[in-house]
Protein backbone atom coordinates (compact mmCIF):
# COMPACT_ATOMS: atom_id res chain seq x y z
CA MET A 1 6.54 -18.92 -9.35
CA ASP A 2 8.43 -18.37 -6.09
CA LYS A 3 6.97 -18.98 -2.62
CA ILE A 4 6.15 -15.30 -1.96
CA ASN A 5 4.22 -15.10 -5.20
CA GLN A 6 2.33 -18.30 -4.31
CA ASP A 7 1.50 -17.14 -0.77
CA PHE A 8 0.23 -13.77 -2.00
CA LYS A 9 -0.94 -14.82 -5.48
CA GLU A 10 -4.38 -13.18 -5.43
CA LEU A 11 -3.11 -10.02 -3.71
CA ILE A 12 -0.36 -9.64 -6.33
CA GLU A 13 -2.77 -10.28 -9.19
CA VAL A 14 -5.18 -7.60 -7.96
CA ALA A 15 -2.31 -5.11 -7.59
CA GLN A 16 -1.09 -5.83 -11.11
CA GLU A 17 -4.59 -5.62 -12.55
CA SER A 18 -5.29 -2.36 -10.67
CA LYS A 19 -2.18 -0.82 -12.20
CA LYS A 20 -3.90 -0.94 -15.59
CA ASN A 21 -6.47 1.61 -14.33
CA ALA A 22 -3.89 4.17 -13.20
CA TYR A 23 -4.68 7.71 -14.29
CA VAL A 24 -1.21 9.11 -15.02
CA PRO A 25 -1.41 11.71 -17.82
CA TYR A 26 1.50 13.73 -16.38
CA SER A 27 4.12 11.24 -15.21
CA GLY A 28 3.15 8.08 -17.08
CA PHE A 29 4.27 6.23 -13.90
CA LYS A 30 1.61 3.57 -13.29
CA VAL A 31 1.29 1.95 -9.87
CA GLY A 32 -1.19 -0.63 -8.65
CA ALA A 33 -1.73 -1.78 -5.08
CA ALA A 34 -3.94 -4.24 -3.28
CA VAL A 35 -4.77 -4.46 0.42
CA MET A 36 -5.75 -7.67 2.20
CA THR A 37 -7.89 -7.35 5.31
CA GLY A 38 -7.98 -9.65 8.30
CA ASP A 39 -10.96 -11.54 6.90
CA GLY A 40 -9.21 -12.07 3.55
CA LYS A 41 -11.03 -9.42 1.51
CA ILE A 42 -8.88 -7.70 -1.09
CA TYR A 43 -9.23 -4.10 -2.26
CA GLY A 44 -7.30 -2.81 -5.26
CA GLY A 45 -6.20 0.72 -5.98
CA CYS A 46 -4.23 2.70 -8.52
CA ASN A 47 -2.54 6.07 -8.54
CA VAL A 48 -4.65 9.01 -9.70
CA GLU A 49 -2.79 12.12 -10.83
CA ASN A 50 -4.06 15.67 -10.97
CA ALA A 51 -2.86 18.81 -12.72
CA SER A 52 -2.44 20.21 -9.21
CA TYR A 53 0.23 17.68 -8.22
CA GLY A 54 -0.57 17.93 -4.51
CA ALA A 55 -4.03 16.52 -5.22
CA THR A 56 -2.54 13.32 -6.66
CA ASN A 57 -3.28 10.12 -4.73
CA CYS A 58 -0.99 7.09 -4.61
CA ALA A 59 -2.18 3.56 -5.36
CA GLU A 60 -1.43 2.39 -1.82
CA ARG A 61 -3.61 5.06 -0.23
CA THR A 62 -6.38 4.44 -2.75
CA ALA A 63 -6.46 0.75 -1.77
CA VAL A 64 -6.33 1.51 1.96
CA PHE A 65 -9.07 4.14 1.70
CA LYS A 66 -11.29 1.73 -0.27
CA ALA A 67 -10.90 -0.92 2.44
CA VAL A 68 -11.55 1.54 5.26
CA SER A 69 -14.54 3.06 3.46
CA GLU A 70 -16.03 -0.45 3.38
CA GLY A 71 -15.52 -0.84 7.14
CA HIS A 72 -12.22 -2.75 7.15
CA THR A 73 -9.43 -1.39 9.34
CA ASP A 74 -7.79 -4.75 10.08
CA ILE A 75 -5.17 -4.59 7.32
CA LYS A 76 -2.88 -7.61 7.11
CA ALA A 77 -0.94 -7.08 3.87
CA ILE A 78 -0.48 -4.84 0.85
CA ALA A 79 1.11 -5.60 -2.52
CA ILE A 80 2.60 -2.78 -4.59
CA SER A 81 3.21 -3.20 -8.33
CA GLY A 82 4.98 -0.84 -10.70
CA ASP A 83 7.01 -0.95 -13.86
CA THR A 84 10.38 -0.36 -12.22
CA LYS A 85 13.52 -2.47 -12.48
CA GLU A 86 13.94 -2.43 -8.69
CA HIS A 87 11.26 -3.32 -6.16
CA LEU A 88 8.79 -0.47 -5.75
CA TYR A 89 8.56 0.95 -2.21
CA PRO A 90 5.73 3.12 -0.85
CA CYS A 91 6.35 6.85 -0.46
CA GLY A 92 6.57 8.48 2.96
CA ILE A 93 2.94 9.58 3.05
CA CYS A 94 1.76 6.06 2.20
CA ARG A 95 4.03 4.64 4.89
CA GLN A 96 2.43 6.97 7.44
CA VAL A 97 -1.07 5.96 6.33
CA LEU A 98 -0.19 2.25 6.55
CA ILE A 99 1.42 2.48 10.01
CA GLU A 100 -1.90 3.87 11.31
CA PHE A 101 -3.29 0.34 10.99
CA GLY A 102 -0.39 -1.52 12.63
CA ASP A 103 3.35 -1.91 12.38
CA ASP A 104 3.12 -5.59 11.42
CA ILE A 105 1.39 -5.11 8.04
CA ILE A 106 3.18 -7.23 5.45
CA ILE A 107 4.42 -5.29 2.43
CA VAL A 108 4.85 -7.25 -0.82
CA LEU A 109 7.16 -5.18 -3.02
CA MET A 110 7.08 -6.01 -6.74
CA ASN A 111 9.23 -5.08 -9.70
CA LYS A 112 8.43 -5.10 -13.42
CA ASN A 113 9.65 -8.71 -13.73
CA GLY A 114 7.10 -9.91 -11.17
CA GLU A 115 9.74 -10.62 -8.55
CA ALA A 116 8.51 -10.11 -5.01
CA LYS A 117 10.23 -9.06 -1.82
CA LEU A 118 8.65 -9.01 1.66
CA THR A 119 9.02 -6.54 4.50
CA THR A 120 6.73 -4.93 7.07
CA ILE A 121 5.61 -1.35 7.47
CA GLY A 122 7.32 -1.26 10.88
CA LYS A 123 10.66 -1.96 9.20
CA LEU A 124 10.02 0.70 6.54
CA LEU A 125 8.98 3.36 9.05
CA PRO A 126 10.83 2.86 12.34
CA ASN A 127 10.27 5.31 15.20
CA SER A 128 7.04 6.43 13.58
CA PHE A 129 4.42 8.83 14.89
CA THR A 130 1.35 6.72 15.72
CA ASN A 131 -1.90 6.71 17.64
CA LYS A 132 0.11 5.78 20.76
CA ASP A 133 1.70 9.23 20.63
CA MET A 134 -1.76 10.79 20.43
CA GLU A 135 -2.91 8.77 23.46
CA GLU A 136 -0.02 10.17 25.51
CA VAL A 137 -1.08 13.73 24.67
CA GLN A 138 -4.75 13.04 25.39
CA ASP A 139 -3.92 11.36 28.72
CA GLY A 140 -2.06 14.50 29.78
CA ILE A 141 -5.06 16.76 29.18
C-alpha cells in the first residue's frame, strides 16, 4: 500500500464501501465518495440516479450533504472511488459544491486498481465563484 493510501486509509475504505450502495439503473456507473471533517468524522456517499437525469445526485455531493446535514462544514478531505482505468475526477457541479467549503480541501482520486492521486479543490477549480464574490456584492448594497 502506498503512502497516500496509508494516510487516507479509512477515508478510501469508506468511499469504496459506499460505492457498493450506488443506485445506477441507467448508467451502471458506480461511484463512492467519503468526506473527512476537521474533527476526523467520515461521511460516505454514493451516486443516486433518477429517470429524470437532472435529478441524479453524485456521490461527492451526497457525502458533502450528509456531513453538512450533521452540522459539519469544516471539510478537510474527500476520496472519490469509481471503476475507471484512470483516476476519477469530480464533475463541475461537485467541484463548485466542494469549493464552497474551502479551496484547500484535499481530493483523493482513485482508480479501479486502488491507486490514489492527490490534488486540492483549488487546483481543480481555479478562478472559482465563491462566497467572497457574494460578499463583494453584499458590501456594495
